[in-house]
Amino acid sequence: MDNILVIFLATLFIATIINVFLKKIDIPTIIGYIFSGLIITYLFDLRHIDRVTLSHIAEFGIVFLMFTIGLEFSVKHLNNMKKEVFVFGALQVILSGLVFTAISYFLFDLEIKTAIILGFALSLSSTAIVLKVLNEKSQIHSGYGRATLGILLFQDLAVIPILLMISIFTSDTHSLSQLLLQTFGSAVVVFIILFIGGKILLNRFFNWVISTNSDEIFTISILFIIMSSSYIAHVFGFTYSLGAFIAGMIIAETKFKYRVEADLIPFRDILLGVFFVTIGMQIDLNTIFEYGHIILGLLVMIMSLKAFLIFGILNTMLQKRTSIKTALALFQVGEFSLAIIALANNNKLFSDTHTQIFTITIVLSMIITPFVLKNIKNIADLFTPETEVDCEKIVSTGYKNHIILCGYGSLGQKIAKKFKKRGLCYVIIEHDIKLVKLGRSNDEPIILANASKTDILEALDIRDAMAVIVAIDNAVKLRLTCEAISSIDENINTVVKVKNRSHQNIIEGFNINHIINESDEMAEILTREVLNCKIKNT
């Protein structure tokens, strides 16, 4: 027990020191956690310990991440992302899996069963790293962010048939038809328990918990829902994270969404840190020294080929720049691949040497990813200049309780900065390409569009918006935008900044319920400041 406590304290200390240093030079904390795991492994000689239990605990970092992502994507939202999930995602997994299978079989002379498992394992990307960085950069709702998320969701679903393939290849007692029937039956049961049961019981359960007026009990109830949903999915053969994602989607339909999200963020970030520490613990330096040239060659080949395949699939359906950024976001290999390769090794489909080589290659690809995502705009600029804005035809993506900010001038920029600091969900509409480029350089969720067009506003789910802010200086465009908003629904919470009384009179005709008169507000502020001034003694 004492030894475990020492290891735990040393891990916290090393992670803190490394991450403080890395944060000062603007390097993601993910890297600090991974290197902390590597250091701890060799400091306490943990290379040969059984990490199965630890990996199960660490996986709950991904579970909490997927739950919070689920909160952002309700059933309606996911329905609006059918193309991203079931077209982009299916094409990416199937094509990448087949190409890597062929390479493994013909070039590396692996057995066909091993080649298939390895090929489809390499088709998966890192949900934990990619979505964490996209969340931090507020890019989930951008063009490439939406495509990236859709593909990652399908990859999470694809883990199930990949694990099923391992069972088929190693089972002597179950036939293929039995395994497929069992999986289908499990999916139906999970759907009934989580979706239908959740819809019926969740609101009543939360109302009952809220009646205690205890934040502590509310937090415990959320943890219970997440873990029980994850466990139910796991019992029926699915991933923990898939169950958590479904639970998040169900809660997203309730009025408790934002309170749940605020309470869960600390747990998510801490457990994600534990997950990345365990990733670092899987790096074997001896293997790197002995097979470094092979690992480097595999790393370059896998990431380059994967990026090329993803770009080729998406370029026929999305803008070139969006396709490039999505390919760069997903060109690594992910954490579920590590679990698949470890399971295949336990079932004698992989040798220990092959397992270590591919494990280290995957971990290195994950280490590279945060640096690429951090500089994704600059890297994309090398392939295609930002003459086209990363906002293909605007379609509804299920925004809800968000804020629409019309205008990204000096006022709009200040408002957006405050929104980002508070972690609010918002989207910006701007018609000036230069300001849109500025917004994208600041990682803002901004689109090039005319805010006075009702189809644009409706595509951004204006009826479900918490508020609309109109921060446009041009009087004509201001009037047209307010007229468009009013024509959709007069009850939309709209906040408008006007310069003077004449502009206000025009806007009031559209039943706008919050008007900020710049001249009146400035007069009030100046008067208040003057009254606070002290009279000088003569």
Protein backbone atom coordinates (compact mmCIF):
# COMPACT_ATOMS: atom_id res chain seq x y z
CA MET A 1 0.00 0.00 0.00
CA ASP A 2 2.81 2.41 0.93
CA ASN A 3 4.58 1.66 -2.35
CA ILE A 4 1.41 2.38 -4.35
CA LEU A 5 0.99 5.69 -2.52
CA VAL A 6 4.60 6.66 -3.27
CA ILE A 7 4.11 5.86 -6.97
CA PHE A 8 0.87 7.85 -7.00
CA LEU A 9 2.48 10.88 -5.32
CA ALA A 10 5.52 10.70 -7.61
CA THR A 11 3.24 10.57 -10.66
CA LEU A 12 1.32 13.66 -9.53
CA PHE A 13 4.57 15.51 -8.77
CA ILE A 14 6.24 14.65 -12.08
CA ALA A 15 3.09 15.40 -14.10
CA THR A 16 2.71 18.77 -12.37
CA ILE A 17 6.34 19.79 -12.94
CA ILE A 18 6.39 18.69 -16.59
CA ASN A 19 3.02 20.24 -17.45
CA VAL A 20 3.83 23.58 -15.82
CA PHE A 21 7.00 23.73 -17.91
CA LEU A 22 5.22 22.61 -21.11
CA LYS A 23 2.32 25.01 -20.57
CA LYS A 24 4.74 27.94 -20.40
CA ILE A 25 5.96 27.08 -23.90
CA ASP A 26 2.40 26.32 -25.05
CA ILE A 27 2.72 22.55 -25.49
CA PRO A 28 -0.43 20.48 -24.75
CA THR A 29 -0.66 18.78 -21.34
CA ILE A 30 -1.34 15.47 -23.10
CA ILE A 31 2.37 15.24 -23.88
CA GLY A 32 3.27 15.90 -20.23
CA TYR A 33 1.03 13.07 -19.02
CA ILE A 34 2.47 10.61 -21.54
CA PHE A 35 6.06 11.41 -20.57
CA SER A 36 5.10 11.23 -16.88
CA GLY A 37 3.91 7.65 -17.46
CA LEU A 38 7.18 6.80 -19.22
CA ILE A 39 9.30 8.28 -16.42
CA ILE A 40 7.31 6.57 -13.66
CA THR A 41 7.58 3.21 -15.42
CA TYR A 42 11.38 3.29 -15.41
CA LEU A 43 11.73 5.11 -12.09
CA PHE A 44 9.85 2.36 -10.23
CA ASP A 45 10.60 -0.47 -12.69
CA LEU A 46 6.94 -1.04 -13.63
CA ARG A 47 7.66 -2.46 -17.08
CA HIS A 48 6.45 -5.95 -16.24
CA ILE A 49 3.39 -5.21 -14.12
CA ASP A 50 -0.07 -6.34 -15.20
CA ARG A 51 -1.75 -3.18 -16.46
CA VAL A 52 -5.15 -4.73 -17.27
CA THR A 53 -6.88 -3.32 -14.18
CA LEU A 54 -5.15 0.03 -14.58
CA SER A 55 -6.20 0.23 -18.23
CA HIS A 56 -9.85 -0.36 -17.23
CA ILE A 57 -9.64 2.51 -14.74
CA ALA A 58 -7.87 4.72 -17.27
CA GLU A 59 -10.51 4.00 -19.92
CA PHE A 60 -12.98 5.97 -17.83
CA GLY A 61 -11.13 9.09 -18.97
CA ILE A 62 -12.43 8.35 -22.46
CA VAL A 63 -15.81 7.45 -20.96
CA PHE A 64 -16.21 10.89 -19.37
CA LEU A 65 -14.96 12.59 -22.53
CA MET A 66 -17.49 10.75 -24.68
CA PHE A 67 -20.24 11.53 -22.18
CA THR A 68 -19.56 15.28 -22.40
CA ILE A 69 -19.41 15.01 -26.21
CA GLY A 70 -22.76 13.24 -26.07
CA LEU A 71 -24.15 16.21 -24.13
CA GLU A 72 -23.30 18.39 -27.15
CA PHE A 73 -24.95 16.01 -29.62
CA SER A 74 -28.55 15.18 -28.90
CA VAL A 75 -30.50 12.56 -30.86
CA LYS A 76 -31.69 15.32 -33.19
CA HIS A 77 -28.13 16.52 -33.70
CA LEU A 78 -26.84 13.03 -34.46
CA ASN A 79 -29.70 12.53 -36.90
CA ASN A 80 -28.54 15.66 -38.71
CA MET A 81 -25.02 14.18 -38.91
CA LYS A 82 -26.01 10.98 -40.73
CA LYS A 83 -23.75 11.82 -43.66
CA GLU A 84 -20.69 12.53 -41.50
CA VAL A 85 -21.15 9.38 -39.40
CA PHE A 86 -22.50 6.74 -41.77
CA VAL A 87 -21.03 7.90 -45.11
CA PHE A 88 -17.70 9.56 -44.24
CA GLY A 89 -17.10 7.24 -41.27
CA ALA A 90 -18.02 4.01 -43.04
CA LEU A 91 -15.94 4.83 -46.12
CA GLN A 92 -12.93 5.78 -44.00
CA VAL A 93 -12.95 2.65 -41.82
CA ILE A 94 -13.68 0.19 -44.62
CA LEU A 95 -11.23 1.61 -47.18
CA SER A 96 -8.43 2.23 -44.65
CA GLY A 97 -8.96 -1.21 -43.11
CA LEU A 98 -8.79 -2.99 -46.48
CA VAL A 99 -5.68 -1.08 -47.62
CA PHE A 100 -3.78 -1.72 -44.36
CA THR A 101 -4.90 -5.37 -44.43
CA ALA A 102 -3.51 -5.78 -47.96
CA ILE A 103 -0.20 -4.15 -46.97
CA SER A 104 0.09 -6.32 -43.84
CA TYR A 105 -0.62 -9.50 -45.82
CA PHE A 106 1.35 -8.92 -49.03
CA LEU A 107 4.25 -6.74 -47.86
CA PHE A 108 4.79 -7.86 -44.25
CA ASP A 109 3.78 -11.49 -44.85
CA LEU A 110 1.44 -11.72 -41.86
CA GLU A 111 -1.20 -14.44 -41.66
CA ILE A 112 -4.52 -13.37 -43.16
CA LYS A 113 -6.34 -13.37 -39.80
CA THR A 114 -3.61 -11.26 -38.19
CA ALA A 115 -3.50 -8.94 -41.23
CA ILE A 116 -7.26 -8.29 -41.06
CA ILE A 117 -7.21 -7.47 -37.33
CA LEU A 118 -4.13 -5.23 -37.71
CA GLY A 119 -5.51 -3.53 -40.83
CA PHE A 120 -8.78 -2.49 -39.22
CA ALA A 121 -7.09 -1.62 -35.93
CA LEU A 122 -4.88 0.86 -37.82
CA SER A 123 -7.98 2.42 -39.43
CA LEU A 124 -9.06 3.78 -36.03
CA SER A 125 -8.00 7.21 -34.74
CA SER A 126 -7.63 8.71 -31.26
CA THR A 127 -10.97 9.88 -29.87
CA ALA A 128 -9.36 10.98 -26.60
CA ILE A 129 -6.72 13.27 -28.10
CA VAL A 130 -8.60 14.67 -31.10
CA LEU A 131 -11.84 15.53 -29.31
CA LYS A 132 -9.98 16.96 -26.31
CA VAL A 133 -8.06 19.38 -28.52
CA LEU A 134 -11.11 20.23 -30.65
CA ASN A 135 -13.04 20.99 -27.47
CA GLU A 136 -10.27 23.24 -26.16
CA LYS A 137 -10.09 25.08 -29.51
CA SER A 138 -13.92 25.35 -29.81
CA GLN A 139 -13.72 23.62 -33.20
CA ILE A 140 -16.29 20.85 -32.69
CA HIS A 141 -18.92 22.74 -34.72
CA SER A 142 -16.54 23.89 -37.49
CA GLY A 143 -16.66 22.26 -40.93
CA TYR A 144 -13.71 19.96 -40.32
CA GLY A 145 -14.67 19.48 -36.66
CA ARG A 146 -18.08 18.12 -37.63
CA ALA A 147 -16.58 15.73 -40.21
CA THR A 148 -13.92 14.62 -37.74
CA LEU A 149 -16.46 13.92 -35.00
CA GLY A 150 -18.72 11.98 -37.38
CA ILE A 151 -15.87 9.71 -38.46
CA LEU A 152 -14.73 9.19 -34.85
CA LEU A 153 -18.25 8.18 -33.82
CA PHE A 154 -18.40 5.58 -36.58
CA GLN A 155 -14.95 4.32 -35.57
CA ASP A 156 -16.24 3.82 -32.03
CA LEU A 157 -19.05 1.71 -33.46
CA ALA A 158 -16.56 -0.15 -35.66
CA VAL A 159 -14.67 -1.37 -32.58
CA ILE A 160 -17.54 -3.82 -31.98
CA PRO A 161 -17.21 -5.83 -35.24
CA ILE A 162 -13.38 -5.73 -34.95
CA LEU A 163 -13.58 -7.31 -31.50
CA LEU A 164 -16.15 -9.72 -32.93
CA MET A 165 -13.62 -10.73 -35.62
CA ILE A 166 -11.09 -11.65 -32.92
CA SER A 167 -13.75 -13.86 -31.30
CA ILE A 168 -14.56 -15.48 -34.66
CA PHE A 169 -10.88 -16.12 -35.50
CA THR A 170 -10.11 -17.65 -32.09
CA SER A 171 -13.39 -19.35 -31.13
CA ASP A 172 -13.78 -23.13 -31.43
CA THR A 173 -17.24 -23.27 -29.92
CA HIS A 174 -19.30 -20.48 -31.55
CA SER A 175 -20.30 -20.24 -35.19
CA LEU A 176 -20.37 -16.95 -37.13
CA SER A 177 -24.18 -16.92 -37.24
CA GLN A 178 -24.36 -17.38 -33.46
CA LEU A 179 -21.96 -14.50 -32.82
CA LEU A 180 -23.79 -12.17 -35.23
CA LEU A 181 -27.18 -13.06 -33.75
CA GLN A 182 -25.85 -12.53 -30.23
CA THR A 183 -24.42 -9.09 -31.18
CA PHE A 184 -27.69 -7.99 -32.81
CA GLY A 185 -29.70 -9.13 -29.79
CA SER A 186 -27.32 -7.29 -27.47
CA ALA A 187 -27.70 -4.09 -29.51
CA VAL A 188 -31.50 -4.28 -29.24
CA VAL A 189 -31.34 -4.82 -25.47
CA VAL A 190 -28.89 -1.93 -24.96
CA PHE A 191 -31.11 0.34 -27.07
CA ILE A 192 -34.20 -0.55 -25.03
CA ILE A 193 -32.46 -0.13 -21.68
CA LEU A 194 -30.57 3.09 -22.41
CA PHE A 195 -32.72 4.97 -24.90
CA ILE A 196 -36.26 3.97 -24.01
CA GLY A 197 -35.59 3.44 -20.29
CA GLY A 198 -33.61 6.67 -20.11
CA LYS A 199 -36.27 8.70 -21.87
CA ILE A 200 -38.96 7.48 -19.49
CA LEU A 201 -37.07 7.58 -16.19
CA LEU A 202 -34.34 10.23 -16.47
CA ASN A 203 -36.38 13.40 -15.95
CA ARG A 204 -38.24 11.89 -13.01
CA PHE A 205 -34.98 10.67 -11.49
CA PHE A 206 -33.29 14.08 -11.78
CA ASN A 207 -36.33 15.92 -10.41
CA TRP A 208 -36.32 13.58 -7.43
CA VAL A 209 -32.58 14.18 -6.86
CA ILE A 210 -32.93 17.97 -7.30
CA SER A 211 -35.63 18.00 -4.59
CA THR A 212 -32.88 17.35 -2.02
CA ASN A 213 -31.27 20.70 -2.94
CA SER A 214 -27.84 19.06 -2.60
CA ASP A 215 -25.06 19.58 -5.16
CA GLU A 216 -23.22 16.61 -3.70
CA ILE A 217 -26.10 14.19 -4.27
CA PHE A 218 -26.67 15.59 -7.78
CA THR A 219 -23.01 14.96 -8.71
CA ILE A 220 -23.18 11.42 -7.30
CA SER A 221 -26.32 10.74 -9.34
CA ILE A 222 -24.54 11.86 -12.55
CA LEU A 223 -21.60 9.58 -11.82
CA PHE A 224 -24.04 6.73 -11.24
CA ILE A 225 -25.76 7.33 -14.59
CA ILE A 226 -22.48 7.50 -16.53
CA MET A 227 -20.94 4.43 -14.95
CA SER A 228 -24.10 2.33 -15.08
CA SER A 229 -24.67 3.21 -18.76
CA SER A 230 -21.05 2.35 -19.54
CA TYR A 231 -21.29 -0.91 -17.64
CA ILE A 232 -24.55 -1.93 -19.35
CA ALA A 233 -22.96 -1.37 -22.77
CA HIS A 234 -19.85 -3.33 -21.69
CA VAL A 235 -21.87 -6.26 -20.35
CA PHE A 236 -23.52 -6.67 -23.75
CA GLY A 237 -20.21 -6.59 -25.62
CA PHE A 238 -19.94 -2.91 -26.54
CA THR A 239 -17.38 -0.32 -25.47
CA TYR A 240 -17.71 1.60 -22.21
CA SER A 241 -17.46 4.88 -24.12
CA LEU A 242 -20.37 4.04 -26.43
CA GLY A 243 -22.67 3.59 -23.43
CA ALA A 244 -21.46 6.90 -21.97
CA PHE A 245 -22.01 8.69 -25.27
CA ILE A 246 -25.60 7.41 -25.46
CA ALA A 247 -26.22 8.54 -21.86
CA GLY A 248 -24.90 12.00 -22.74
CA MET A 249 -27.21 12.20 -25.78
CA ILE A 250 -30.22 11.32 -23.64
CA ILE A 251 -29.37 13.92 -20.97
CA ALA A 252 -28.82 16.51 -23.74
CA GLU A 253 -32.59 16.34 -24.32
CA THR A 254 -33.30 17.37 -20.73
CA LYS A 255 -33.18 20.74 -18.97
CA PHE A 256 -30.28 19.53 -16.79
CA LYS A 257 -27.71 19.44 -19.62
CA TYR A 258 -25.63 22.50 -18.68
CA ARG A 259 -25.55 21.80 -14.96
CA VAL A 260 -24.44 18.22 -15.63
CA GLU A 261 -21.73 19.41 -18.01
CA ALA A 262 -20.35 21.95 -15.52
CA ASP A 263 -20.19 19.35 -12.71
CA LEU A 264 -18.46 16.69 -14.84
CA ILE A 265 -15.60 18.64 -16.44
CA PRO A 266 -13.18 18.24 -13.46
CA PHE A 267 -13.73 14.45 -13.35
CA ARG A 268 -13.27 14.17 -17.12
CA ASP A 269 -9.97 16.07 -17.21
CA ILE A 270 -8.48 14.20 -14.23
CA LEU A 271 -9.37 10.77 -15.61
CA LEU A 272 -8.13 11.73 -19.07
CA GLY A 273 -4.83 12.59 -17.40
CA VAL A 274 -4.72 9.08 -15.86
CA PHE A 275 -5.45 7.60 -19.29
CA PHE A 276 -2.55 9.41 -20.94
CA VAL A 277 -0.21 8.39 -18.10
CA THR A 278 -1.03 4.72 -18.84
CA ILE A 279 -0.33 5.37 -22.55
CA GLY A 280 3.15 6.57 -21.57
CA MET A 281 3.64 3.43 -19.47
CA GLN A 282 3.32 1.29 -22.60
CA ILE A 283 6.47 2.72 -24.22
CA ASP A 284 9.39 0.26 -24.04
CA LEU A 285 12.68 2.08 -24.62
CA ASN A 286 14.54 -1.18 -25.33
CA THR A 287 12.19 -1.87 -28.25
CA ILE A 288 12.75 1.65 -29.56
CA PHE A 289 16.55 1.18 -29.47
CA GLU A 290 16.38 -2.24 -31.12
CA TYR A 291 13.66 -1.61 -33.73
CA GLY A 292 13.79 2.18 -34.01
CA HIS A 293 14.29 2.21 -37.78
CA ILE A 294 11.30 -0.11 -38.31
CA ILE A 295 9.10 1.94 -35.95
CA LEU A 296 10.05 5.19 -37.70
CA GLY A 297 9.32 3.70 -41.12
CA LEU A 298 5.95 2.34 -39.96
CA LEU A 299 5.07 5.66 -38.33
CA VAL A 300 5.69 7.68 -41.50
CA MET A 301 4.00 5.10 -43.73
CA ILE A 302 0.87 4.67 -41.62
CA MET A 303 0.24 8.36 -40.93
CA SER A 304 0.97 9.47 -44.50
CA LEU A 305 -1.14 6.76 -46.08
CA LYS A 306 -4.01 7.28 -43.65
CA ALA A 307 -4.05 11.05 -44.28
CA PHE A 308 -3.98 10.47 -48.04
CA LEU A 309 -6.89 7.98 -47.86
CA ILE A 310 -9.06 10.26 -45.69
CA PHE A 311 -8.34 13.24 -47.94
CA GLY A 312 -9.18 11.18 -51.05
CA ILE A 313 -12.52 10.07 -49.56
CA LEU A 314 -13.61 13.52 -48.36
CA ASN A 315 -12.30 15.65 -51.24
CA THR A 316 -15.09 14.41 -53.51
CA MET A 317 -17.76 15.61 -51.05
CA LEU A 318 -16.25 18.53 -49.09
CA GLN A 319 -14.09 21.55 -49.80
CA LYS A 320 -10.43 20.80 -50.33
CA ARG A 321 -9.34 22.73 -47.24
CA THR A 322 -11.92 21.00 -45.02
CA SER A 323 -10.76 17.62 -46.35
CA ILE A 324 -7.11 18.43 -45.64
CA LYS A 325 -7.81 19.56 -42.07
CA THR A 326 -9.97 16.49 -41.36
CA ALA A 327 -7.24 14.19 -42.75
CA LEU A 328 -4.62 15.90 -40.56
CA ALA A 329 -6.89 15.56 -37.51
CA LEU A 330 -7.39 11.80 -38.01
CA PHE A 331 -4.08 10.56 -39.43
CA GLN A 332 -2.90 9.08 -36.12
CA VAL A 333 -3.83 5.65 -34.71
CA GLY A 334 -5.89 5.60 -31.53
CA GLU A 335 -6.31 4.15 -28.07
CA PHE A 336 -8.85 1.50 -29.12
CA SER A 337 -6.23 0.16 -31.54
CA LEU A 338 -3.95 -0.44 -28.56
CA ALA A 339 -6.71 -2.42 -26.82
CA ILE A 340 -7.41 -4.47 -29.98
CA ILE A 341 -3.73 -5.32 -30.52
CA ALA A 342 -3.34 -6.26 -26.82
CA LEU A 343 -6.39 -8.55 -27.03
CA ALA A 344 -5.10 -10.09 -30.26
CA ASN A 345 -1.77 -10.72 -28.53
CA ASN A 346 -3.53 -12.47 -25.64
CA ASN A 347 -5.26 -14.69 -28.22
CA LYS A 348 -1.93 -15.54 -29.90
CA LEU A 349 -2.70 -13.61 -33.11
CA PHE A 350 0.28 -11.28 -32.49
CA SER A 351 3.74 -12.09 -31.20
CA ASP A 352 5.10 -10.08 -28.26
CA THR A 353 7.63 -8.36 -30.53
CA HIS A 354 4.99 -7.31 -33.06
CA THR A 355 2.76 -6.09 -30.24
CA GLN A 356 5.51 -3.88 -28.81
CA ILE A 357 6.52 -2.47 -32.22
CA PHE A 358 2.96 -1.52 -33.15
CA THR A 359 2.16 -0.26 -29.64
CA ILE A 360 5.10 2.16 -29.70
CA THR A 361 4.27 3.24 -33.27
CA ILE A 362 0.69 4.00 -32.23
CA VAL A 363 1.76 5.90 -29.11
CA LEU A 364 4.22 8.01 -31.12
CA SER A 365 1.48 8.87 -33.62
CA MET A 366 -0.66 10.02 -30.69
CA ILE A 367 2.19 12.17 -29.33
CA ILE A 368 2.59 13.92 -32.70
CA THR A 369 -1.14 14.69 -33.04
CA PRO A 370 -1.56 17.59 -30.54
CA PHE A 371 1.23 19.53 -32.27
CA VAL A 372 -0.44 19.03 -35.65
CA LEU A 373 -3.89 20.03 -34.35
CA LYS A 374 -2.44 23.09 -32.66
CA ASN A 375 -0.96 24.27 -35.98
CA ILE A 376 -3.57 22.77 -38.31
CA LYS A 377 -4.44 26.10 -39.92
CA ASN A 378 -0.82 26.86 -40.82
CA ILE A 379 -0.25 23.33 -42.15
CA ALA A 380 -3.43 23.53 -44.26
CA ASP A 381 -2.18 26.86 -45.66
CA LEU A 382 0.83 25.01 -47.15
CA PHE A 383 -1.51 22.92 -49.32
CA THR A 384 -4.26 25.40 -50.10
CA PRO A 385 -4.55 29.12 -49.25
CA GLU A 386 -7.56 30.22 -47.26
CA THR A 387 -9.31 31.83 -50.21
CA GLU A 388 -12.19 29.46 -49.61
CA VAL A 389 -13.66 29.50 -46.13
CA ASP A 390 -13.98 26.24 -44.26
CA CYS A 391 -17.77 26.28 -44.29
CA GLU A 392 -19.31 24.15 -46.96
CA LYS A 393 -23.05 24.39 -47.54
CA ILE A 394 -24.49 25.23 -44.15
CA VAL A 395 -26.85 22.59 -42.80
CA SER A 396 -28.40 22.23 -39.39
CA THR A 397 -26.19 20.35 -36.96
CA GLY A 398 -28.59 20.38 -34.04
CA TYR A 399 -27.41 23.48 -32.17
CA LYS A 400 -29.46 24.04 -29.03
CA ASN A 401 -29.31 26.67 -26.26
CA HIS A 402 -26.45 28.31 -28.14
CA ILE A 403 -25.75 31.97 -28.97
CA ILE A 404 -25.67 33.34 -32.51
CA LEU A 405 -23.38 36.36 -32.86
CA CYS A 406 -24.01 38.41 -36.01
CA GLY A 407 -20.92 40.45 -36.85
CA TYR A 408 -17.24 40.03 -36.01
CA GLY A 409 -16.14 43.65 -35.98
CA SER A 410 -14.34 45.17 -33.00
CA LEU A 411 -17.39 44.74 -30.76
CA GLY A 412 -18.10 41.21 -31.98
CA GLN A 413 -14.49 40.21 -31.34
CA LYS A 414 -14.69 41.39 -27.73
CA ILE A 415 -17.98 39.57 -27.19
CA ALA A 416 -16.61 36.34 -28.70
CA LYS A 417 -13.54 36.55 -26.49
CA LYS A 418 -15.74 36.76 -23.38
CA PHE A 419 -17.92 33.87 -24.59
CA LYS A 420 -14.87 31.66 -25.18
CA LYS A 421 -13.45 32.51 -21.74
CA ARG A 422 -16.74 31.45 -20.11
CA GLY A 423 -16.96 28.26 -22.19
CA LEU A 424 -20.27 29.20 -23.84
CA CYS A 425 -21.55 27.52 -26.99
CA TYR A 426 -21.76 30.11 -29.79
CA VAL A 427 -21.44 30.54 -33.53
CA ILE A 428 -20.50 33.71 -35.44
CA ILE A 429 -21.93 34.91 -38.77
CA GLU A 430 -19.78 37.38 -40.72
CA HIS A 431 -19.96 38.48 -44.38
CA ASP A 432 -16.50 40.08 -44.61
CA ILE A 433 -13.92 37.51 -45.76
CA LYS A 434 -11.08 39.36 -44.02
CA LEU A 435 -12.87 39.26 -40.67
CA VAL A 436 -13.74 35.59 -41.22
CA LYS A 437 -10.05 34.83 -41.80
CA LEU A 438 -9.22 36.77 -38.62
CA GLY A 439 -11.81 34.75 -36.70
CA ARG A 440 -10.43 31.46 -37.99
CA SER A 441 -6.91 32.52 -37.01
CA ASN A 442 -8.35 33.00 -33.49
CA ASP A 443 -9.98 29.53 -33.63
CA GLU A 444 -13.47 31.01 -33.58
CA PRO A 445 -16.53 29.00 -34.76
CA ILE A 446 -17.20 31.51 -37.55
CA ILE A 447 -18.89 31.12 -40.94
CA LEU A 448 -18.87 33.30 -44.05
CA ALA A 449 -22.52 34.14 -44.62
CA ASN A 450 -25.11 36.92 -44.73
CA ALA A 451 -26.91 37.21 -41.38
CA SER A 452 -29.93 38.82 -43.07
CA LYS A 453 -30.76 35.57 -44.93
CA THR A 454 -33.43 33.56 -43.14
CA ASP A 455 -32.19 30.23 -44.54
CA ILE A 456 -28.77 30.83 -42.93
CA LEU A 457 -30.35 31.68 -39.58
CA GLU A 458 -32.64 28.65 -39.70
CA ALA A 459 -29.73 26.37 -40.65
CA LEU A 460 -28.06 27.52 -37.44
CA ASP A 461 -31.18 26.52 -35.45
CA ILE A 462 -32.11 30.07 -34.47
CA ARG A 463 -35.41 28.93 -32.93
CA ASP A 464 -33.48 26.80 -30.43
CA ALA A 465 -30.92 29.54 -29.68
CA MET A 466 -30.60 30.96 -26.19
CA ALA A 467 -30.05 34.40 -27.73
CA VAL A 468 -29.04 36.24 -30.89
CA ILE A 469 -26.67 39.21 -30.67
CA VAL A 470 -26.57 41.66 -33.56
CA ALA A 471 -23.29 43.60 -33.46
CA ILE A 472 -23.40 45.22 -36.91
CA ASP A 473 -22.51 48.89 -37.46
CA ASN A 474 -23.97 49.35 -40.95
CA ALA A 475 -27.51 50.70 -40.49
CA VAL A 476 -28.95 49.03 -43.61
CA LYS A 477 -27.49 45.60 -42.80
CA LEU A 478 -28.58 46.01 -39.18
CA ARG A 479 -32.18 46.65 -40.25
CA LEU A 480 -32.21 43.74 -42.73
CA THR A 481 -30.81 41.33 -40.13
CA CYS A 482 -33.35 42.34 -37.48
CA GLU A 483 -36.13 42.07 -40.05
CA ALA A 484 -35.00 38.53 -40.96
CA ILE A 485 -34.86 37.44 -37.31
CA SER A 486 -38.31 38.88 -36.60
CA SER A 487 -39.79 37.18 -39.67
CA ILE A 488 -38.68 33.77 -38.38
CA ASP A 489 -40.05 34.17 -34.86
CA GLU A 490 -40.84 37.34 -32.90
CA ASN A 491 -40.17 35.53 -29.60
CA ILE A 492 -36.46 34.95 -30.28
CA ASN A 493 -34.30 36.61 -27.61
CA THR A 494 -32.48 39.21 -29.69
CA VAL A 495 -29.96 41.72 -28.34
CA VAL A 496 -29.13 44.57 -30.71
CA LYS A 497 -26.61 47.39 -30.40
CA VAL A 498 -27.66 50.63 -32.13
CA LYS A 499 -25.74 53.89 -32.47
CA ASN A 500 -28.49 56.42 -31.77
CA ARG A 501 -32.19 57.08 -31.22
CA SER A 502 -33.10 57.11 -34.93
CA HIS A 503 -31.62 53.64 -35.43
CA GLN A 504 -33.46 52.46 -32.32
CA ASN A 505 -36.81 53.69 -33.66
CA ILE A 506 -36.34 51.66 -36.82
CA ILE A 507 -35.38 48.49 -34.90
CA GLU A 508 -38.26 48.77 -32.43
CA GLY A 509 -40.67 48.17 -35.29
CA PHE A 510 -39.44 44.58 -35.50
CA ASN A 511 -40.42 43.71 -31.91
CA ILE A 512 -36.79 43.35 -30.81
CA ASN A 513 -36.88 42.84 -27.03
CA HIS A 514 -33.34 43.94 -26.04
CA ILE A 515 -31.94 47.12 -27.59
CA ILE A 516 -28.70 48.70 -26.36
CA ASN A 517 -28.46 52.35 -27.44
CA GLU A 518 -24.76 53.18 -27.70
CA SER A 519 -25.15 56.95 -27.22
CA ASP A 520 -27.53 56.58 -24.23
CA GLU A 521 -25.29 53.96 -22.58
CA MET A 522 -22.18 56.05 -23.11
CA ALA A 523 -23.90 59.14 -21.66
CA GLU A 524 -24.91 57.09 -18.61
CA ILE A 525 -21.36 55.76 -18.13
CA LEU A 526 -19.75 59.21 -18.49
CA THR A 527 -22.23 60.75 -16.06
CA ARG A 528 -21.59 58.00 -13.51
CA GLU A 529 -17.83 58.47 -13.82
CA VAL A 530 -18.11 62.22 -13.37
CA LEU A 531 -20.23 61.79 -10.24
CA ASN A 532 -17.54 59.53 -8.82
CA CYS A 533 -14.87 62.19 -9.28
CA LYS A 534 -13.68 63.95 -6.13
CA ILE A 535 -13.92 67.75 -5.89
CA LYS A 536 -10.46 69.32 -5.68
CA ASN A 537 -9.70 71.39 -2.60
CA THR A 538 -8.81 75.02 -3.43
